[in-house]
Structures are given as structure tokens and as C-alpha cells.
């Protein structure tokens, strides 16, 4: 399988799993956004809780230059480790929510 297709499948699987286990109500829904043409992937919450608007990302991934960029992870899940377990090399994962300076101290790619 082409690595890019594998990476897309892994990301979509992780986001779908988190959407399925997330707590949603009749008025707040988990929303999966998969843009395979531009390689942007996101799980967000959208809706209303009483008179308060609920809107925000839970996880966001991009694929850039053959690497998976974890742009945001609002969960306690170690999604980088999950990707490695799924067969993605750590050298193809970038923790985009850290500065390039901090990334050099992780086991993942700097950029």
C-alpha cells in the first residue's frame, strides 16, 4: 500500500474511533472532517449546550511533504504513539503543536 494512503487511513481511523467514544448529546455532535484532496483531517464538537455555543476542534491532523503533522490534540490520548503502533515510522510524525525547537527533543520528526 502507498504510504500516503496508509497515513490517510490511520488518521481517519483514529478520528473515527474518538468520534465514536466521545460524549455527544442531541444538541452537541462530534463532526468528522476529512479533506483527502488537501490532506486536512479534523474532529470537532458542534452544537449548543443550553444557551451556550459549543464549537471547537478536538483533534487536527495534516499530511505535508509525506509526514503526518499532529496540529492539535485536545485529548489525553497519545496519538503519536497510536500512529507508530499502526505502522507509521516516528520519523514521519511531526508534533506540530510544539515549536521546532521543542520538537528536536521528541522521538518524532522536527519538520
N, C-alpha and C. Protein backbone atom coordinates (compact mmCIF):
# COMPACT_ATOMS: atom_id res chain seq x y z
N UNK A 1 0.85 -1.18 0.00
CA UNK A 1 0.00 0.00 0.00
C UNK A 1 0.89 1.25 0.00
N UNK A 2 0.46 2.23 -0.74
CA UNK A 2 1.15 3.52 -0.79
C UNK A 2 1.18 4.14 0.61
N UNK A 3 2.34 4.63 1.07
CA UNK A 3 2.40 5.20 2.42
C UNK A 3 1.38 6.33 2.65
N UNK A 4 1.15 7.17 1.66
CA UNK A 4 0.20 8.26 1.81
C UNK A 4 -1.21 7.73 2.06
N UNK A 5 -1.60 6.69 1.33
CA UNK A 5 -2.92 6.08 1.56
C UNK A 5 -3.00 5.46 2.95
N UNK A 6 -1.90 4.81 3.37
CA UNK A 6 -1.86 4.22 4.72
C UNK A 6 -2.01 5.31 5.78
N UNK A 7 -1.31 6.43 5.61
CA UNK A 7 -1.38 7.51 6.59
C UNK A 7 -2.78 8.08 6.67
N UNK A 8 -3.43 8.24 5.51
CA UNK A 8 -4.81 8.74 5.49
C UNK A 8 -5.73 7.79 6.25
N UNK A 9 -5.58 6.50 5.99
CA UNK A 9 -6.43 5.52 6.67
C UNK A 9 -6.20 5.53 8.18
N UNK A 10 -4.95 5.62 8.60
CA UNK A 10 -4.64 5.64 10.03
C UNK A 10 -5.27 6.86 10.71
N UNK A 11 -5.11 8.02 10.10
CA UNK A 11 -5.68 9.25 10.67
C UNK A 11 -7.19 9.14 10.76
N UNK A 12 -7.82 8.70 9.67
CA UNK A 12 -9.28 8.60 9.66
C UNK A 12 -9.76 7.59 10.71
N UNK A 13 -9.02 6.51 10.89
CA UNK A 13 -9.39 5.52 11.90
C UNK A 13 -9.31 6.11 13.31
N UNK A 14 -8.24 6.81 13.61
CA UNK A 14 -8.08 7.42 14.93
C UNK A 14 -9.20 8.42 15.20
N UNK A 15 -9.47 9.29 14.24
CA UNK A 15 -10.51 10.30 14.42
C UNK A 15 -11.89 9.66 14.57
N UNK A 16 -12.16 8.64 13.77
CA UNK A 16 -13.46 7.96 13.84
C UNK A 16 -13.63 7.26 15.19
N UNK A 17 -12.58 6.61 15.66
CA UNK A 17 -12.64 5.96 16.98
C UNK A 17 -12.96 6.98 18.07
N UNK A 18 -12.30 8.13 18.03
CA UNK A 18 -12.54 9.16 19.04
C UNK A 18 -13.93 9.77 18.91
N UNK A 19 -14.41 9.90 17.69
CA UNK A 19 -15.78 10.40 17.50
C UNK A 19 -16.80 9.43 18.08
N UNK A 20 -16.54 8.14 17.92
CA UNK A 20 -17.47 7.12 18.40
C UNK A 20 -17.49 7.00 19.93
N UNK A 21 -16.37 7.32 20.58
CA UNK A 21 -16.35 7.21 22.04
C UNK A 21 -16.63 8.53 22.74
N UNK A 22 -16.73 9.61 21.95
CA UNK A 22 -16.95 10.92 22.55
C UNK A 22 -18.38 11.04 23.07
N UNK A 23 -18.53 11.86 24.07
CA UNK A 23 -19.85 12.10 24.66
C UNK A 23 -20.54 13.19 23.86
N UNK A 24 -21.59 12.79 23.16
CA UNK A 24 -22.38 13.77 22.42
C UNK A 24 -23.81 13.72 22.95
N UNK A 25 -24.53 14.77 22.68
CA UNK A 25 -25.93 14.85 23.10
C UNK A 25 -26.77 15.13 21.86
N UNK A 26 -28.06 15.32 22.08
CA UNK A 26 -28.93 15.67 20.96
C UNK A 26 -28.56 17.03 20.38
N UNK A 27 -27.91 17.87 21.18
CA UNK A 27 -27.62 19.24 20.73
C UNK A 27 -26.14 19.50 20.47
N UNK A 28 -25.26 18.58 20.87
CA UNK A 28 -23.82 18.70 20.59
C UNK A 28 -23.37 17.42 19.90
N UNK A 29 -22.81 17.58 18.73
CA UNK A 29 -22.41 16.44 17.91
C UNK A 29 -20.91 16.45 17.63
N UNK A 30 -20.35 15.26 17.52
CA UNK A 30 -18.98 15.12 17.03
C UNK A 30 -19.04 15.20 15.51
N UNK A 31 -18.18 16.00 14.92
CA UNK A 31 -18.18 16.21 13.48
C UNK A 31 -16.82 15.83 12.91
N UNK A 32 -16.82 14.86 12.00
CA UNK A 32 -15.59 14.43 11.33
C UNK A 32 -15.44 15.19 10.03
N UNK A 33 -14.24 15.71 9.79
CA UNK A 33 -13.95 16.45 8.56
C UNK A 33 -12.72 15.80 7.92
N UNK A 34 -12.94 15.19 6.76
CA UNK A 34 -11.85 14.54 6.03
C UNK A 34 -11.71 15.20 4.66
N UNK A 35 -10.63 15.93 4.44
CA UNK A 35 -10.35 16.55 3.15
C UNK A 35 -9.16 15.82 2.54
N UNK A 36 -9.43 14.75 1.81
CA UNK A 36 -8.37 13.93 1.23
C UNK A 36 -7.64 14.64 0.08
N UNK A 37 -8.31 15.60 -0.56
CA UNK A 37 -7.66 16.32 -1.66
C UNK A 37 -6.54 17.22 -1.15
N UNK A 38 -6.73 17.82 0.00
CA UNK A 38 -5.74 18.75 0.58
C UNK A 38 -5.07 18.18 1.83
N UNK A 39 -5.48 16.98 2.23
CA UNK A 39 -4.92 16.26 3.38
C UNK A 39 -5.03 17.02 4.69
N UNK A 40 -6.26 17.45 5.00
CA UNK A 40 -6.59 18.03 6.30
C UNK A 40 -7.67 17.14 6.93
N UNK A 41 -7.50 16.83 8.21
CA UNK A 41 -8.41 15.91 8.90
C UNK A 41 -8.68 16.44 10.30
N UNK A 42 -9.97 16.44 10.70
CA UNK A 42 -10.30 17.04 11.98
C UNK A 42 -11.52 16.38 12.61
N UNK A 43 -11.52 16.36 13.92
CA UNK A 43 -12.69 16.02 14.72
C UNK A 43 -13.03 17.25 15.55
N UNK A 44 -14.28 17.70 15.44
CA UNK A 44 -14.72 18.89 16.17
C UNK A 44 -16.03 18.58 16.89
N UNK A 45 -16.35 19.39 17.89
CA UNK A 45 -17.66 19.37 18.51
C UNK A 45 -18.42 20.59 18.03
N UNK A 46 -19.69 20.40 17.68
CA UNK A 46 -20.51 21.48 17.16
C UNK A 46 -21.91 21.36 17.76
N UNK A 47 -22.45 22.48 18.26
CA UNK A 47 -23.82 22.47 18.75
C UNK A 47 -24.06 23.49 19.84
N UNK A 48 -25.06 23.21 20.63
CA UNK A 48 -25.46 24.09 21.73
C UNK A 48 -25.64 23.29 23.00
N UNK A 49 -25.22 23.87 24.11
CA UNK A 49 -25.42 23.29 25.43
C UNK A 49 -26.19 24.35 26.21
N UNK A 50 -27.52 24.19 26.23
CA UNK A 50 -28.36 25.24 26.79
C UNK A 50 -28.26 26.45 25.89
N UNK A 51 -27.92 27.60 26.47
CA UNK A 51 -27.77 28.81 25.66
C UNK A 51 -26.30 29.11 25.33
N UNK A 52 -25.44 28.13 25.55
CA UNK A 52 -24.01 28.31 25.27
C UNK A 52 -23.62 27.57 23.99
N UNK A 53 -22.94 28.25 23.09
CA UNK A 53 -22.47 27.66 21.84
C UNK A 53 -21.26 26.78 22.12
N UNK A 54 -21.28 25.58 21.56
CA UNK A 54 -20.16 24.65 21.65
C UNK A 54 -19.61 24.48 20.25
N UNK A 55 -18.37 24.87 20.07
CA UNK A 55 -17.71 24.72 18.78
C UNK A 55 -16.21 24.70 19.01
N UNK A 56 -15.58 23.66 18.53
CA UNK A 56 -14.13 23.63 18.68
C UNK A 56 -13.53 22.31 18.25
N UNK A 57 -12.27 22.36 17.87
CA UNK A 57 -11.57 21.15 17.47
C UNK A 57 -11.22 20.28 18.66
N UNK A 58 -11.21 18.98 18.41
CA UNK A 58 -10.76 18.01 19.39
C UNK A 58 -9.39 17.47 18.95
N UNK A 59 -9.28 17.18 17.66
CA UNK A 59 -8.02 16.74 17.06
C UNK A 59 -7.93 17.29 15.64
N UNK A 60 -6.70 17.59 15.23
CA UNK A 60 -6.48 18.07 13.86
C UNK A 60 -5.16 17.51 13.36
N UNK A 61 -5.22 16.89 12.18
CA UNK A 61 -4.04 16.33 11.52
C UNK A 61 -3.94 16.91 10.12
N UNK A 62 -2.72 17.07 9.63
CA UNK A 62 -2.46 17.39 8.23
C UNK A 62 -1.39 16.42 7.74
N UNK A 63 -1.37 16.20 6.44
CA UNK A 63 -0.25 15.47 5.83
C UNK A 63 0.45 16.48 4.93
N UNK A 64 1.73 16.71 5.22
CA UNK A 64 2.53 17.66 4.46
C UNK A 64 3.87 17.02 4.13
N UNK A 65 4.24 17.06 2.88
CA UNK A 65 5.54 16.53 2.43
C UNK A 65 5.78 15.10 2.92
N UNK A 66 4.73 14.28 2.88
CA UNK A 66 4.86 12.88 3.25
C UNK A 66 4.91 12.60 4.74
N UNK A 67 4.67 13.60 5.56
CA UNK A 67 4.68 13.42 7.01
C UNK A 67 3.32 13.79 7.60
N UNK A 68 2.96 13.09 8.67
CA UNK A 68 1.74 13.39 9.39
C UNK A 68 2.06 14.46 10.43
N UNK A 69 1.37 15.59 10.32
CA UNK A 69 1.51 16.68 11.29
C UNK A 69 0.34 16.61 12.25
N UNK A 70 0.62 16.38 13.53
CA UNK A 70 -0.43 16.45 14.56
C UNK A 70 -0.49 17.92 14.95
N UNK A 71 -1.47 18.63 14.41
CA UNK A 71 -1.58 20.06 14.64
C UNK A 71 -2.22 20.39 15.98
N UNK A 72 -3.13 19.52 16.42
CA UNK A 72 -3.81 19.76 17.69
C UNK A 72 -4.31 18.43 18.23
N UNK A 73 -4.14 18.23 19.52
CA UNK A 73 -4.68 17.05 20.20
C UNK A 73 -5.25 17.52 21.53
N UNK A 74 -6.56 17.68 21.57
CA UNK A 74 -7.23 18.14 22.79
C UNK A 74 -7.69 16.99 23.67
N UNK A 75 -7.09 15.81 23.49
CA UNK A 75 -7.44 14.65 24.30
C UNK A 75 -6.21 14.23 25.11
N UNK A 76 -6.41 13.25 25.94
CA UNK A 76 -5.28 12.69 26.70
C UNK A 76 -4.62 11.53 25.96
N UNK A 77 -5.16 11.18 24.80
CA UNK A 77 -4.63 10.06 24.03
C UNK A 77 -3.27 10.41 23.42
N UNK A 78 -2.38 9.46 23.44
CA UNK A 78 -1.05 9.63 22.83
C UNK A 78 -1.16 9.22 21.36
N UNK A 79 -1.69 10.13 20.53
CA UNK A 79 -1.96 9.78 19.14
C UNK A 79 -0.69 9.52 18.34
N UNK A 80 0.41 10.15 18.70
CA UNK A 80 1.68 9.84 18.04
C UNK A 80 2.05 8.38 18.25
N UNK A 81 1.93 7.93 19.48
CA UNK A 81 2.22 6.52 19.80
C UNK A 81 1.26 5.58 19.08
N UNK A 82 0.01 5.99 19.01
CA UNK A 82 -1.00 5.18 18.30
C UNK A 82 -0.64 5.05 16.83
N UNK A 83 -0.17 6.13 16.21
CA UNK A 83 0.25 6.07 14.82
C UNK A 83 1.44 5.12 14.64
N UNK A 84 2.39 5.17 15.56
CA UNK A 84 3.54 4.26 15.50
C UNK A 84 3.07 2.82 15.61
N UNK A 85 2.14 2.55 16.52
CA UNK A 85 1.58 1.19 16.66
C UNK A 85 0.90 0.73 15.38
N UNK A 86 0.37 1.68 14.62
CA UNK A 86 -0.32 1.36 13.37
C UNK A 86 0.65 1.23 12.19
N UNK A 87 1.95 1.37 12.44
CA UNK A 87 2.95 1.16 11.41
C UNK A 87 3.54 2.41 10.79
N UNK A 88 3.20 3.59 11.31
CA UNK A 88 3.79 4.84 10.80
C UNK A 88 5.13 5.04 11.49
N UNK A 89 6.21 5.22 10.73
CA UNK A 89 7.50 5.47 11.37
C UNK A 89 7.48 6.79 12.15
N UNK A 90 8.11 6.80 13.31
CA UNK A 90 8.18 8.02 14.12
C UNK A 90 8.81 9.17 13.34
N UNK A 91 9.67 8.84 12.38
CA UNK A 91 10.33 9.86 11.56
C UNK A 91 9.37 10.53 10.58
N UNK A 92 8.15 9.99 10.46
CA UNK A 92 7.12 10.58 9.58
C UNK A 92 6.00 11.24 10.37
N UNK A 93 6.23 11.48 11.65
CA UNK A 93 5.24 12.13 12.50
C UNK A 93 5.85 13.41 13.06
N UNK A 94 5.11 14.50 12.95
CA UNK A 94 5.57 15.80 13.46
C UNK A 94 4.56 16.30 14.48
N UNK A 95 5.03 16.68 15.65
CA UNK A 95 4.17 17.28 16.66
C UNK A 95 4.07 18.77 16.36
N UNK A 96 3.15 19.12 15.48
CA UNK A 96 3.04 20.49 15.00
C UNK A 96 2.62 21.49 16.05
N UNK A 97 2.10 21.01 17.17
CA UNK A 97 1.68 21.92 18.24
C UNK A 97 2.86 22.34 19.12
N UNK A 98 4.05 21.78 18.86
CA UNK A 98 5.27 22.21 19.53
C UNK A 98 6.11 23.03 18.56
N UNK A 99 6.89 23.95 19.08
CA UNK A 99 7.81 24.71 18.23
C UNK A 99 8.89 23.76 17.70
N UNK A 100 9.54 24.18 16.61
CA UNK A 100 10.62 23.36 16.04
C UNK A 100 11.72 23.12 17.07
N UNK A 101 11.96 24.10 17.92
CA UNK A 101 12.97 23.94 18.97
C UNK A 101 12.61 22.79 19.90
N UNK A 102 11.36 22.74 20.34
CA UNK A 102 10.94 21.67 21.25
C UNK A 102 10.87 20.31 20.56
N UNK A 103 10.51 20.31 19.27
CA UNK A 103 10.37 19.05 18.54
C UNK A 103 11.66 18.25 18.50
N UNK A 104 12.79 18.92 18.54
CA UNK A 104 14.08 18.20 18.46
C UNK A 104 14.30 17.29 19.66
N UNK A 105 13.57 17.52 20.73
CA UNK A 105 13.74 16.71 21.95
C UNK A 105 12.73 15.56 22.03
N UNK A 106 11.89 15.38 20.99
CA UNK A 106 10.92 14.28 20.96
C UNK A 106 11.48 13.16 20.12
N UNK A 107 10.81 12.05 20.12
CA UNK A 107 11.24 10.93 19.28
C UNK A 107 10.72 11.04 17.87
N UNK A 108 9.99 12.12 17.58
CA UNK A 108 9.37 12.31 16.28
C UNK A 108 10.16 13.29 15.42
N UNK A 109 9.69 13.49 14.19
CA UNK A 109 10.38 14.37 13.24
C UNK A 109 10.28 15.82 13.69
N UNK A 110 11.27 16.62 13.28
CA UNK A 110 11.27 18.05 13.59
C UNK A 110 10.38 18.79 12.59
N UNK A 111 10.34 18.33 11.37
CA UNK A 111 9.51 19.02 10.38
C UNK A 111 9.65 18.44 9.01
